[in-house]
Amino acid sequence: MVMRFYQRKWRKQEAVLTELLRPFDSWIETASPQENVQAKACLLRVLDQVRNIRPDRRSYAAGNSHFDYLFQLSIVAQELRRKEYVHACHEMVDLIHFNPVSQPRIRTNLICLLSDYLEG
């Protein structure tokens, strides 16, 4: 019962974040500069939403390992480093879909990553 409630909460947060990222959830080889600027603004809105998510202290691994999310997070970091914000949005959708963002380990790393590349 508790796990079912937790999964509903996770899916609700996932839906809100995915809805923000949906306009940029496509893998375009070369995005126009205007699309890239819009995608960066979208990622800033996602950062604000993630900061407002209350951390959930229960341990929950969505996949096989506690650290599965790091692979997807590293792909997002690579796209942010290359300033390919449309691609980063696409990878963020995957990260959010497969991992509960309210987990402190994911939430903290995501906030640090986005704030370093978008605000810094």
PDB file of N, CA and C in Angstrom:
ATOM      1  N   MET A   1       0.825  -1.193   0.000  1.00  0.00           N
ATOM      2  CA  MET A   1       0.000   0.000   0.000  1.00  0.00           C
ATOM      3  C   MET A   1       0.871   1.258   0.000  1.00  0.00           C
ATOM      4  N   VAL A   2       1.878   1.279   0.859  1.00  0.00           N
ATOM      5  CA  VAL A   2       2.760   2.440   0.931  1.00  0.00           C
ATOM      6  C   VAL A   2       3.520   2.591  -0.381  1.00  0.00           C
ATOM      7  N   MET A   3       4.009   1.473  -0.940  1.00  0.00           N
ATOM      8  CA  MET A   3       4.754   1.530  -2.194  1.00  0.00           C
ATOM      9  C   MET A   3       3.858   2.039  -3.318  1.00  0.00           C
ATOM     10  N   ARG A   4       2.597   1.628  -3.338  1.00  0.00           N
ATOM     11  CA  ARG A   4       1.679   2.082  -4.366  1.00  0.00           C
ATOM     12  C   ARG A   4       1.470   3.593  -4.268  1.00  0.00           C
ATOM     13  N   PHE A   5       1.322   4.114  -3.038  1.00  0.00           N
ATOM     14  CA  PHE A   5       1.174   5.562  -2.841  1.00  0.00           C
ATOM     15  C   PHE A   5       2.419   6.283  -3.316  1.00  0.00           C
ATOM     16  N   TYR A   6       3.572   5.731  -2.984  1.00  0.00           N
ATOM     17  CA  TYR A   6       4.834   6.348  -3.367  1.00  0.00           C
ATOM     18  C   TYR A   6       4.961   6.391  -4.891  1.00  0.00           C
ATOM     19  N   GLN A   7       4.594   5.301  -5.556  1.00  0.00           N
ATOM     20  CA  GLN A   7       4.693   5.262  -7.012  1.00  0.00           C
ATOM     21  C   GLN A   7       3.724   6.255  -7.653  1.00  0.00           C
ATOM     22  N   ARG A   8       2.526   6.432  -7.081  1.00  0.00           N
ATOM     23  CA  ARG A   8       1.589   7.436  -7.611  1.00  0.00           C
ATOM     24  C   ARG A   8       2.171   8.830  -7.475  1.00  0.00           C
ATOM     25  N   LYS A   9       2.786   9.121  -6.333  1.00  0.00           N
ATOM     26  CA  LYS A   9       3.406  10.425  -6.095  1.00  0.00           C
ATOM     27  C   LYS A   9       4.531  10.648  -7.099  1.00  0.00           C
ATOM     28  N   TRP A  10       5.341   9.627  -7.293  1.00  0.00           N
ATOM     29  CA  TRP A  10       6.447   9.698  -8.244  1.00  0.00           C
ATOM     30  C   TRP A  10       5.911   9.950  -9.651  1.00  0.00           C
ATOM     31  N   ARG A  11       4.865   9.247 -10.057  1.00  0.00           N
ATOM     32  CA  ARG A  11       4.305   9.407 -11.397  1.00  0.00           C
ATOM     33  C   ARG A  11       3.698  10.794 -11.590  1.00  0.00           C
ATOM     34  N   LYS A  12       3.144  11.368 -10.531  1.00  0.00           N
ATOM     35  CA  LYS A  12       2.580  12.714 -10.633  1.00  0.00           C
ATOM     36  C   LYS A  12       3.699  13.733 -10.860  1.00  0.00           C
ATOM     37  N   GLN A  13       4.787  13.598 -10.123  1.00  0.00           N
ATOM     38  CA  GLN A  13       5.936  14.497 -10.308  1.00  0.00           C
ATOM     39  C   GLN A  13       6.533  14.302 -11.697  1.00  0.00           C
ATOM     40  N   GLU A  14       6.601  13.060 -12.130  1.00  0.00           N
ATOM     41  CA  GLU A  14       7.121  12.753 -13.455  1.00  0.00           C
ATOM     42  C   GLU A  14       6.267  13.419 -14.530  1.00  0.00           C
ATOM     43  N   ALA A  15       4.952  13.383 -14.367  1.00  0.00           N
ATOM     44  CA  ALA A  15       4.050  13.974 -15.359  1.00  0.00           C
ATOM     45  C   ALA A  15       4.246  15.483 -15.465  1.00  0.00           C
ATOM     46  N   VAL A  16       4.412  16.154 -14.339  1.00  0.00           N
ATOM     47  CA  VAL A  16       4.614  17.605 -14.348  1.00  0.00           C
ATOM     48  C   VAL A  16       5.915  17.955 -15.069  1.00  0.00           C
ATOM     49  N   LEU A  17       6.997  17.272 -14.727  1.00  0.00           N
ATOM     50  CA  LEU A  17       8.293  17.567 -15.340  1.00  0.00           C
ATOM     51  C   LEU A  17       8.311  17.186 -16.819  1.00  0.00           C
ATOM     52  N   THR A  18       7.709  16.067 -17.159  1.00  0.00           N
ATOM     53  CA  THR A  18       7.679  15.628 -18.549  1.00  0.00           C
ATOM     54  C   THR A  18       6.865  16.590 -19.406  1.00  0.00           C
ATOM     55  N   GLU A  19       5.794  17.114 -18.833  1.00  0.00           N
ATOM     56  CA  GLU A  19       4.971  18.076 -19.573  1.00  0.00           C
ATOM     57  C   GLU A  19       5.776  19.334 -19.917  1.00  0.00           C
ATOM     58  N   LEU A  20       6.635  19.766 -19.010  1.00  0.00           N
ATOM     59  CA  LEU A  20       7.501  20.907 -19.295  1.00  0.00           C
ATOM     60  C   LEU A  20       8.488  20.597 -20.425  1.00  0.00           C
ATOM     61  N   LEU A  21       9.017  19.379 -20.429  1.00  0.00           N
ATOM     62  CA  LEU A  21      10.048  18.998 -21.389  1.00  0.00           C
ATOM     63  C   LEU A  21       9.498  18.508 -22.725  1.00  0.00           C
ATOM     64  N   ARG A  22       8.215  18.216 -22.786  1.00  0.00           N
ATOM     65  CA  ARG A  22       7.616  17.601 -23.975  1.00  0.00           C
ATOM     66  C   ARG A  22       7.917  18.332 -25.286  1.00  0.00           C
ATOM     67  N   PRO A  23       7.856  19.674 -25.348  1.00  0.00           N
ATOM     68  CA  PRO A  23       8.129  20.330 -26.643  1.00  0.00           C
ATOM     69  C   PRO A  23       9.533  20.049 -27.185  1.00  0.00           C
ATOM     70  N   PHE A  24      10.433  19.621 -26.333  1.00  0.00           N
ATOM     71  CA  PHE A  24      11.815  19.387 -26.762  1.00  0.00           C
ATOM     72  C   PHE A  24      12.211  17.923 -26.655  1.00  0.00           C
ATOM     73  N   ASP A  25      11.241  17.045 -26.550  1.00  0.00           N
ATOM     74  CA  ASP A  25      11.515  15.613 -26.412  1.00  0.00           C
ATOM     75  C   ASP A  25      11.640  14.961 -27.785  1.00  0.00           C
ATOM     76  N   SER A  26      12.641  15.378 -28.517  1.00  0.00           N
ATOM     77  CA  SER A  26      12.924  14.751 -29.804  1.00  0.00           C
ATOM     78  C   SER A  26      14.426  14.800 -30.024  1.00  0.00           C
ATOM     79  N   TRP A  27      14.914  13.814 -30.735  1.00  0.00           N
ATOM     80  CA  TRP A  27      16.342  13.756 -30.990  1.00  0.00           C
ATOM     81  C   TRP A  27      16.579  14.325 -32.379  1.00  0.00           C
ATOM     82  N   ILE A  28      16.849  15.613 -32.427  1.00  0.00           N
ATOM     83  CA  ILE A  28      17.122  16.302 -33.678  1.00  0.00           C
ATOM     84  C   ILE A  28      18.633  16.397 -33.799  1.00  0.00           C
ATOM     85  N   GLU A  29      19.155  16.000 -34.956  1.00  0.00           N
ATOM     86  CA  GLU A  29      20.617  16.033 -35.128  1.00  0.00           C
ATOM     87  C   GLU A  29      21.181  17.426 -34.878  1.00  0.00           C
ATOM     88  N   THR A  30      20.612  18.419 -35.520  1.00  0.00           N
ATOM     89  CA  THR A  30      21.070  19.785 -35.308  1.00  0.00           C
ATOM     90  C   THR A  30      19.852  20.665 -35.044  1.00  0.00           C
ATOM     91  N   ALA A  31      19.763  21.170 -33.861  1.00  0.00           N
ATOM     92  CA  ALA A  31      18.661  22.063 -33.494  1.00  0.00           C
ATOM     93  C   ALA A  31      19.061  23.487 -33.843  1.00  0.00           C
ATOM     94  N   SER A  32      18.072  24.289 -34.181  1.00  0.00           N
ATOM     95  CA  SER A  32      18.360  25.686 -34.507  1.00  0.00           C
ATOM     96  C   SER A  32      18.776  26.426 -33.231  1.00  0.00           C
ATOM     97  N   PRO A  33      19.499  27.513 -33.372  1.00  0.00           N
ATOM     98  CA  PRO A  33      19.901  28.287 -32.185  1.00  0.00           C
ATOM     99  C   PRO A  33      18.697  28.763 -31.368  1.00  0.00           C
ATOM    100  N   GLN A  34      17.614  29.097 -32.052  1.00  0.00           N
ATOM    101  CA  GLN A  34      16.407  29.539 -31.343  1.00  0.00           C
ATOM    102  C   GLN A  34      15.816  28.399 -30.510  1.00  0.00           C
ATOM    103  N   GLU A  35      15.765  27.202 -31.082  1.00  0.00           N
ATOM    104  CA  GLU A  35      15.266  26.038 -30.335  1.00  0.00           C
ATOM    105  C   GLU A  35      16.164  25.743 -29.136  1.00  0.00           C
ATOM    106  N   ASN A  36      17.456  25.906 -29.319  1.00  0.00           N
ATOM    107  CA  ASN A  36      18.398  25.658 -28.236  1.00  0.00           C
ATOM    108  C   ASN A  36      18.193  26.641 -27.084  1.00  0.00           C
ATOM    109  N   VAL A  37      17.940  27.909 -27.397  1.00  0.00           N
ATOM    110  CA  VAL A  37      17.687  28.919 -26.366  1.00  0.00           C
ATOM    111  C   VAL A  37      16.387  28.601 -25.633  1.00  0.00           C
ATOM    112  N   GLN A  38      15.365  28.191 -26.378  1.00  0.00           N
ATOM    113  CA  GLN A  38      14.089  27.824 -25.759  1.00  0.00           C
ATOM    114  C   GLN A  38      14.248  26.593 -24.875  1.00  0.00           C
ATOM    115  N   ALA A  39      15.041  25.636 -25.322  1.00  0.00           N
ATOM    116  CA  ALA A  39      15.278  24.428 -24.527  1.00  0.00           C
ATOM    117  C   ALA A  39      16.021  24.772 -23.235  1.00  0.00           C
ATOM    118  N   LYS A  40      16.957  25.713 -23.314  1.00  0.00           N
ATOM    119  CA  LYS A  40      17.682  26.133 -22.107  1.00  0.00           C
ATOM    120  C   LYS A  40      16.716  26.775 -21.111  1.00  0.00           C
ATOM    121  N   ALA A  41      15.801  27.612 -21.602  1.00  0.00           N
ATOM    122  CA  ALA A  41      14.787  28.230 -20.733  1.00  0.00           C
ATOM    123  C   ALA A  41      13.889  27.159 -20.115  1.00  0.00           C
ATOM    124  N   CYS A  42      13.579  26.142 -20.894  1.00  0.00           N
ATOM    125  CA  CYS A  42      12.767  25.029 -20.380  1.00  0.00           C
ATOM    126  C   CYS A  42      13.514  24.294 -19.273  1.00  0.00           C
ATOM    127  N   LEU A  43      14.792  24.057 -19.453  1.00  0.00           N
ATOM    128  CA  LEU A  43      15.589  23.378 -18.426  1.00  0.00           C
ATOM    129  C   LEU A  43      15.678  24.214 -17.152  1.00  0.00           C
ATOM    130  N   LEU A  44      15.709  25.527 -17.283  1.00  0.00           N
ATOM    131  CA  LEU A  44      15.684  26.390 -16.099  1.00  0.00           C
ATOM    132  C   LEU A  44      14.359  26.259 -15.352  1.00  0.00           C
ATOM    133  N   ARG A  45      13.255  26.129 -16.082  1.00  0.00           N
ATOM    134  CA  ARG A  45      11.952  25.910 -15.427  1.00  0.00           C
ATOM    135  C   ARG A  45      11.918  24.544 -14.736  1.00  0.00           C
ATOM    136  N   VAL A  46      12.516  23.545 -15.381  1.00  0.00           N
ATOM    137  CA  VAL A  46      12.599  22.220 -14.765  1.00  0.00           C
ATOM    138  C   VAL A  46      13.436  22.297 -13.490  1.00  0.00           C
ATOM    139  N   LEU A  47      14.521  23.037 -13.519  1.00  0.00           N
ATOM    140  CA  LEU A  47      15.357  23.211 -12.329  1.00  0.00           C
ATOM    141  C   LEU A  47      14.543  23.812 -11.189  1.00  0.00           C
ATOM    142  N   ASP A  48      13.748  24.823 -11.473  1.00  0.00           N
ATOM    143  CA  ASP A  48      12.894  25.412 -10.433  1.00  0.00           C
ATOM    144  C   ASP A  48      11.901  24.398  -9.882  1.00  0.00           C
ATOM    145  N   GLN A  49      11.319  23.592 -10.768  1.00  0.00           N
ATOM    146  CA  GLN A  49      10.366  22.565 -10.326  1.00  0.00           C
ATOM    147  C   GLN A  49      11.051  21.517  -9.443  1.00  0.00           C
ATOM    148  N   VAL A  50      12.237  21.091  -9.838  1.00  0.00           N
ATOM    149  CA  VAL A  50      12.970  20.074  -9.065  1.00  0.00           C
ATOM    150  C   VAL A  50      13.352  20.629  -7.696  1.00  0.00           C
ATOM    151  N   ARG A  51      13.738  21.887  -7.643  1.00  0.00           N
ATOM    152  CA  ARG A  51      14.056  22.500  -6.351  1.00  0.00           C
ATOM    153  C   ARG A  51      12.843  22.516  -5.425  1.00  0.00           C
ATOM    154  N   ASN A  52      11.647  22.601  -5.991  1.00  0.00           N
ATOM    155  CA  ASN A  52      10.424  22.653  -5.185  1.00  0.00           C
ATOM    156  C   ASN A  52       9.919  21.276  -4.770  1.00  0.00           C
ATOM    157  N   ILE A  53      10.483  20.226  -5.324  1.00  0.00           N
ATOM    158  CA  ILE A  53      10.084  18.868  -4.942  1.00  0.00           C
ATOM    159  C   ILE A  53      10.643  18.570  -3.565  1.00  0.00           C
ATOM    160  N   ARG A  54       9.793  18.101  -2.703  1.00  0.00           N
ATOM    161  CA  ARG A  54      10.222  17.751  -1.346  1.00  0.00           C
ATOM    162  C   ARG A  54      10.965  16.416  -1.371  1.00  0.00           C
ATOM    163  N   PRO A  55      12.169  16.365  -0.828  1.00  0.00           N
ATOM    164  CA  PRO A  55      12.932  15.107  -0.846  1.00  0.00           C
ATOM    165  C   PRO A  55      12.219  14.011  -0.062  1.00  0.00           C
ATOM    166  N   ASP A  56      12.237  12.825  -0.606  1.00  0.00           N
ATOM    167  CA  ASP A  56      11.643  11.671   0.044  1.00  0.00           C
ATOM    168  C   ASP A  56      12.768  10.817   0.601  1.00  0.00           C
ATOM    169  N   ARG A  57      12.776  10.593   1.886  1.00  0.00           N
ATOM    170  CA  ARG A  57      13.888   9.907   2.551  1.00  0.00           C
ATOM    171  C   ARG A  57      13.849   8.380   2.402  1.00  0.00           C
ATOM    172  N   ARG A  58      12.748   7.830   1.911  1.00  0.00           N
ATOM    173  CA  ARG A  58      12.694   6.376   1.729  1.00  0.00           C
ATOM    174  C   ARG A  58      13.615   5.971   0.594  1.00  0.00           C
ATOM    175  N   SER A  59      14.325   4.905   0.802  1.00  0.00           N
ATOM    176  CA  SER A  59      15.218   4.410  -0.230  1.00  0.00           C
ATOM    177  C   SER A  59      14.417   3.614  -1.237  1.00  0.00           C
ATOM    178  N   TYR A  60      14.616   3.927  -2.507  1.00  0.00           N
ATOM    179  CA  TYR A  60      13.878   3.229  -3.550  1.00  0.00           C
ATOM    180  C   TYR A  60      14.734   3.210  -4.799  1.00  0.00           C
ATOM    181  N   ALA A  61      15.077   2.042  -5.268  1.00  0.00           N
ATOM    182  CA  ALA A  61      15.839   1.902  -6.505  1.00  0.00           C
ATOM    183  C   ALA A  61      14.887   1.446  -7.595  1.00  0.00           C
ATOM    184  N   ALA A  62      14.736   2.251  -8.627  1.00  0.00           N
ATOM    185  CA  ALA A  62      13.786   1.937  -9.693  1.00  0.00           C
ATOM    186  C   ALA A  62      14.265   0.777 -10.552  1.00  0.00           C
ATOM    187  N   GLY A  63      15.553   0.615 -10.700  1.00  0.00           N
ATOM    188  CA  GLY A  63      16.100  -0.433 -11.551  1.00  0.00           C
ATOM    189  C   GLY A  63      16.769  -1.512 -10.736  1.00  0.00           C
ATOM    190  N   ASN A  64      17.866  -2.002 -11.253  1.00  0.00           N
ATOM    191  CA  ASN A  64      18.581  -3.084 -10.589  1.00  0.00           C
ATOM    192  C   ASN A  64      19.527  -2.586  -9.510  1.00  0.00           C
ATOM    193  N   SER A  65      19.909  -1.325  -9.596  1.00  0.00           N
ATOM    194  CA  SER A  65      20.928  -0.821  -8.705  1.00  0.00           C
ATOM    195  C   SER A  65      20.552   0.555  -8.155  1.00  0.00           C
ATOM    196  N   HIS A  66      21.120   0.862  -7.013  1.00  0.00           N
ATOM    197  CA  HIS A  66      20.917   2.154  -6.375  1.00  0.00           C
ATOM    198  C   HIS A  66      21.508   3.282  -7.228  1.00  0.00           C
ATOM    199  N   PHE A  67      22.475   2.949  -8.071  1.00  0.00           N
ATOM    200  CA  PHE A  67      23.197   3.951  -8.851  1.00  0.00           C
ATOM    201  C   PHE A  67      22.862   3.931 -10.344  1.00  0.00           C
ATOM    202  N   ASP A  68      21.776   3.275 -10.740  1.00  0.00           N
ATOM    203  CA  ASP A  68      21.397   3.208 -12.153  1.00  0.00           C
ATOM    204  C   ASP A  68      21.210   4.586 -12.781  1.00  0.00           C
ATOM    205  N   TYR A  69      20.732   5.533 -12.014  1.00  0.00           N
ATOM    206  CA  TYR A  69      20.435   6.862 -12.545  1.00  0.00           C
ATOM    207  C   TYR A  69      21.687   7.601 -13.020  1.00  0.00           C
ATOM    208  N   LEU A  70      22.862   7.227 -12.509  1.00  0.00           N
ATOM    209  CA  LEU A  70      24.088   7.946 -12.852  1.00  0.00           C
ATOM    210  C   LEU A  70      24.441   7.849 -14.335  1.00  0.00           C
ATOM    211  N   PHE A  71      24.115   6.733 -14.957  1.00  0.00           N
ATOM    212  CA  PHE A  71      24.387   6.596 -16.392  1.00  0.00           C
ATOM    213  C   PHE A  71      23.600   7.636 -17.174  1.00  0.00           C
ATOM    214  N   GLN A  72      22.296   7.747 -16.888  1.00  0.00           N
ATOM    215  CA  GLN A  72      21.473   8.725 -17.595  1.00  0.00           C
ATOM    216  C   GLN A  72      21.869  10.151 -17.232  1.00  0.00           C
ATOM    217  N   LEU A  73      22.227  10.366 -15.990  1.00  0.00           N
ATOM    218  CA  LEU A  73      22.652  11.698 -15.561  1.00  0.00           C
ATOM    219  C   LEU A  73      23.951  12.113 -16.268  1.00  0.00           C
ATOM    220  N   SER A  74      24.836  11.164 -16.497  1.00  0.00           N
ATOM    221  CA  SER A  74      26.089  11.488 -17.195  1.00  0.00           C
ATOM    222  C   SER A  74      25.832  11.860 -18.654  1.00  0.00           C
ATOM    223  N   ILE A  75      24.822  11.263 -19.268  1.00  0.00           N
ATOM    224  CA  ILE A  75      24.474  11.637 -20.643  1.00  0.00           C
ATOM    225  C   ILE A  75      23.909  13.056 -20.672  1.00  0.00           C
ATOM    226  N   VAL A  76      23.075  13.392 -19.695  1.00  0.00           N
ATOM    227  CA  VAL A  76      22.548  14.754 -19.595  1.00  0.00           C
ATOM    228  C   VAL A  76      23.707  15.737 -19.411  1.00  0.00           C
ATOM    229  N   ALA A  77      24.660  15.391 -18.556  1.00  0.00           N
ATOM    230  CA  ALA A  77      25.817  16.259 -18.315  1.00  0.00           C
ATOM    231  C   ALA A  77      26.632  16.453 -19.589  1.00  0.00           C
ATOM    232  N   GLN A  78      26.795  15.405 -20.348  1.00  0.00           N
ATOM    233  CA  GLN A  78      27.553  15.500 -21.597  1.00  0.00           C
ATOM    234  C   GLN A  78      26.857  16.453 -22.565  1.00  0.00           C
ATOM    235  N   GLU A  79      25.545  16.368 -22.676  1.00  0.00           N
ATOM    236  CA  GLU A  79      24.809  17.254 -23.588  1.00  0.00           C
ATOM    237  C   GLU A  79      24.849  18.705 -23.093  1.00  0.00           C
ATOM    238  N   LEU A  80      24.787  18.900 -21.794  1.00  0.00           N
ATOM    239  CA  LEU A  80      24.873  20.254 -21.249  1.00  0.00           C
ATOM    240  C   LEU A  80      26.269  20.836 -21.492  1.00  0.00           C
ATOM    241  N   ARG A  81      27.278  20.021 -21.349  1.00  0.00           N
ATOM    242  CA  ARG A  81      28.656  20.461 -21.585  1.00  0.00           C
ATOM    243  C   ARG A  81      28.834  20.910 -23.031  1.00  0.00           C
ATOM    244  N   ARG A  82      28.165  20.204 -23.958  1.00  0.00           N
ATOM    245  CA  ARG A  82      28.248  20.539 -25.381  1.00  0.00           C
ATOM    246  C   ARG A  82      27.280  21.663 -25.759  1.00  0.00           C
ATOM    247  N   LYS A  83      26.496  22.124 -24.781  1.00  0.00           N
ATOM    248  CA  LYS A  83      25.480  23.167 -24.987  1.00  0.00           C
ATOM    249  C   LYS A  83      24.416  22.745 -25.992  1.00  0.00           C
ATOM    250  N   GLU A  84      24.110  21.454 -26.006  1.00  0.00           N
ATOM    251  CA  GLU A  84      23.036  20.891 -26.829  1.00  0.00           C
ATOM    252  C   GLU A  84      21.820  20.713 -25.922  1.00  0.00           C
ATOM    253  N   TYR A  85      21.118  21.802 -25.681  1.00  0.00           N
ATOM    254  CA  TYR A  85      20.043  21.802 -24.692  1.00  0.00           C
ATOM    255  C   TYR A  85      18.822  20.998 -25.144  1.00  0.00           C
ATOM    256  N   VAL A  86      18.571  20.929 -26.451  1.00  0.00           N
ATOM    257  CA  VAL A  86      17.456  20.115 -26.951  1.00  0.00           C
ATOM    258  C   VAL A  86      17.730  18.645 -26.652  1.00  0.00           C
ATOM    259  N   HIS A  87      18.955  18.205 -26.894  1.00  0.00           N
ATOM    260  CA  HIS A  87      19.328  16.818 -26.598  1.00  0.00           C
ATOM    261  C   HIS A  87      19.279  16.563 -25.089  1.00  0.00           C
ATOM    262  N   ALA A  88      19.687  17.548 -24.299  1.00  0.00           N
ATOM    263  CA  ALA A  88      19.641  17.398 -22.841  1.00  0.00           C
ATOM    264  C   ALA A  88      18.204  17.224 -22.366  1.00  0.00           C
ATOM    265  N   CYS A  89      17.275  17.956 -22.976  1.00  0.00           N
ATOM    266  CA  CYS A  89      15.857  17.801 -22.618  1.00  0.00           C
ATOM    267  C   CYS A  89      15.383  16.388 -22.922  1.00  0.00           C
ATOM    268  N   HIS A  90      15.782  15.888 -24.074  1.00  0.00           N
ATOM    269  CA  HIS A  90      15.395  14.530 -24.467  1.00  0.00           C
ATOM    270  C   HIS A  90      15.909  13.498 -23.451  1.00  0.00           C
ATOM    271  N   GLU A  91      17.150  13.649 -23.053  1.00  0.00           N
ATOM    272  CA  GLU A  91      17.734  12.714 -22.084  1.00  0.00           C
ATOM    273  C   GLU A  91      17.122  12.893 -20.694  1.00  0.00           C
ATOM    274  N   MET A  92      16.734  14.114 -20.357  1.00  0.00           N
ATOM    275  CA  MET A  92      16.086  14.365 -19.061  1.00  0.00           C
ATOM    276  C   MET A  92      14.754  13.621 -18.963  1.00  0.00           C
ATOM    277  N   VAL A  93      14.020  13.546 -20.073  1.00  0.00           N
ATOM    278  CA  VAL A  93      12.750  12.812 -20.065  1.00  0.00           C
ATOM    279  C   VAL A  93      12.998  11.355 -19.690  1.00  0.00           C
ATOM    280  N   ASP A  94      14.039  10.753 -20.258  1.00  0.00           N
ATOM    281  CA  ASP A  94      14.380   9.368 -19.907  1.00  0.00           C
ATOM    282  C   ASP A  94      14.762   9.240 -18.437  1.00  0.00           C
ATOM    283  N   LEU A  95      15.586  10.150 -17.965  1.00  0.00           N
ATOM    284  CA  LEU A  95      16.014  10.136 -16.568  1.00  0.00           C
ATOM    285  C   LEU A  95      14.810  10.225 -15.634  1.00  0.00           C
ATOM    286  N   ILE A  96      13.920  11.149 -15.921  1.00  0.00           N
ATOM    287  CA  ILE A  96      12.744  11.363 -15.072  1.00  0.00           C
ATOM    288  C   ILE A  96      11.793  10.176 -15.141  1.00  0.00           C
ATOM    289  N   HIS A  97      11.679   9.573 -16.316  1.00  0.00           N
ATOM    290  CA  HIS A  97      10.743   8.447 -16.471  1.00  0.00           C
ATOM    291  C   HIS A  97      11.195   7.222 -15.686  1.00  0.00           C
ATOM    292  N   PHE A  98      12.472   6.956 -15.669  1.00  0.00           N
ATOM    293  CA  PHE A  98      12.961   5.724 -15.060  1.00  0.00           C
ATOM    294  C   PHE A  98      13.431   5.865 -13.618  1.00  0.00           C
ATOM    295  N   ASN A  99      13.482   7.098 -13.089  1.00  0.00           N
ATOM    296  CA  ASN A  99      14.010   7.299 -11.744  1.00  0.00           C
ATOM    297  C   ASN A  99      13.160   8.294 -10.968  1.00  0.00           C
ATOM    298  N   PRO A 100      12.897   8.011  -9.695  1.00  0.00           N
ATOM    299  CA  PRO A 100      12.119   8.944  -8.866  1.00  0.00           C
ATOM    300  C   PRO A 100      12.952  10.169  -8.488  1.00  0.00           C
ATOM    301  N   VAL A 101      12.585  11.311  -9.019  1.00  0.00           N
ATOM    302  CA  VAL A 101      13.354  12.537  -8.820  1.00  0.00           C
ATOM    303  C   VAL A 101      13.298  13.015  -7.372  1.00  0.00           C
ATOM    304  N   SER A 102      12.320  12.565  -6.607  1.00  0.00           N
ATOM    305  CA  SER A 102      12.213  13.001  -5.214  1.00  0.00           C
ATOM    306  C   SER A 102      13.244  12.325  -4.311  1.00  0.00           C
ATOM    307  N   GLN A 103      13.952  11.327  -4.827  1.00  0.00           N
ATOM    308  CA  GLN A 103      15.003  10.696  -4.041  1.00  0.00           C
ATOM    309  C   GLN A 103      16.133  11.697  -3.838  1.00  0.00           C
ATOM    310  N   PRO A 104      16.606  11.880  -2.623  1.00  0.00           N
ATOM    311  CA  PRO A 104      17.649  12.885  -2.371  1.00  0.00           C
ATOM    312  C   PRO A 104      18.893  12.709  -3.234  1.00  0.00           C
ATOM    313  N   ARG A 105      19.300  11.465  -3.473  1.00  0.00           N
ATOM    314  CA  ARG A 105      20.515  11.230  -4.260  1.00  0.00           C
ATOM    315  C   ARG A 105      20.341  11.726  -5.695  1.00  0.00           C
ATOM    316  N   ILE A 106      19.162  11.566  -6.259  1.00  0.00           N
ATOM    317  CA  ILE A 106      18.894  11.991  -7.633  1.00  0.00           C
ATOM    318  C   ILE A 106      18.616  13.485  -7.673  1.00  0.00           C
ATOM    319  N   ARG A 107      17.778  13.943  -6.766  1.00  0.00           N
ATOM    320  CA  ARG A 107      17.374  15.350  -6.720  1.00  0.00           C
ATOM    321  C   ARG A 107      18.588  16.265  -6.530  1.00  0.00           C
ATOM    322  N   THR A 108      19.434  15.944  -5.579  1.00  0.00           N
ATOM    323  CA  THR A 108      20.608  16.767  -5.288  1.00  0.00           C
ATOM    324  C   THR A 108      21.558  16.819  -6.479  1.00  0.00           C
ATOM    325  N   ASN A 109      21.854  15.678  -7.063  1.00  0.00           N
ATOM    326  CA  ASN A 109      22.764  15.649  -8.208  1.00  0.00           C
ATOM    327  C   ASN A 109      22.177  16.378  -9.406  1.00  0.00           C
ATOM    328  N   LEU A 110      20.880  16.246  -9.604  1.00  0.00           N
ATOM    329  CA  LEU A 110      20.222  16.929 -10.717  1.00  0.00           C
ATOM    330  C   LEU A 110      20.242  18.445 -10.526  1.00  0.00           C
ATOM    331  N   ILE A 111      19.972  18.889  -9.323  1.00  0.00           N
ATOM    332  CA  ILE A 111      20.013  20.343  -9.025  1.00  0.00           C
ATOM    333  C   ILE A 111      21.425  20.872  -9.232  1.00  0.00           C
ATOM    334  N   CYS A 112      22.417  20.175  -8.718  1.00  0.00           N
ATOM    335  CA  CYS A 112      23.817  20.624  -8.873  1.00  0.00           C
ATOM    336  C   CYS A 112      24.212  20.679 -10.342  1.00  0.00           C
ATOM    337  N   LEU A 113      23.869  19.649 -11.094  1.00  0.00           N
ATOM    338  CA  LEU A 113      24.233  19.585 -12.503  1.00  0.00           C
ATOM    339  C   LEU A 113      23.575  20.717 -13.290  1.00  0.00           C
ATOM    340  N   LEU A 114      22.269  20.869 -13.142  1.00  0.00           N
ATOM    341  CA  LEU A 114      21.558  21.902 -13.904  1.00  0.00           C
ATOM    342  C   LEU A 114      21.995  23.313 -13.505  1.00  0.00           C
ATOM    343  N   SER A 115      22.169  23.533 -12.216  1.00  0.00           N
ATOM    344  CA  SER A 115      22.561  24.882 -11.784  1.00  0.00           C
ATOM    345  C   SER A 115      23.986  25.208 -12.232  1.00  0.00           C
ATOM    346  N   ASP A 116      24.891  24.233 -12.235  1.00  0.00           N
ATOM    347  CA  ASP A 116      26.266  24.481 -12.692  1.00  0.00           C
ATOM    348  C   ASP A 116      26.313  24.882 -14.163  1.00  0.00           C
ATOM    349  N   TYR A 117      25.555  24.173 -15.002  1.00  0.00           N
ATOM    350  CA  TYR A 117      25.638  24.425 -16.441  1.00  0.00           C
ATOM    351  C   TYR A 117      24.692  25.511 -16.927  1.00  0.00           C
ATOM    352  N   LEU A 118      23.606  25.750 -16.215  1.00  0.00           N
ATOM    353  CA  LEU A 118      22.619  26.721 -16.701  1.00  0.00           C
ATOM    354  C   LEU A 118      22.727  28.080 -16.021  1.00  0.00           C
ATOM    355  N   GLU A 119      23.089  28.084 -14.756  1.00  0.00           N
ATOM    356  CA  GLU A 119      23.151  29.347 -14.017  1.00  0.00           C
ATOM    357  C   GLU A 119      24.586  29.854 -13.865  1.00  0.00           C
ATOM    358  N   GLY A 120      25.542  28.960 -13.929  1.00  0.00           N
ATOM    359  CA  GLY A 120      26.926  29.322 -13.672  1.00  0.00           C
ATOM    360  C   GLY A 120      27.653  29.919 -14.821  1.00  0.00           C
TER     361      GLY A 120
END
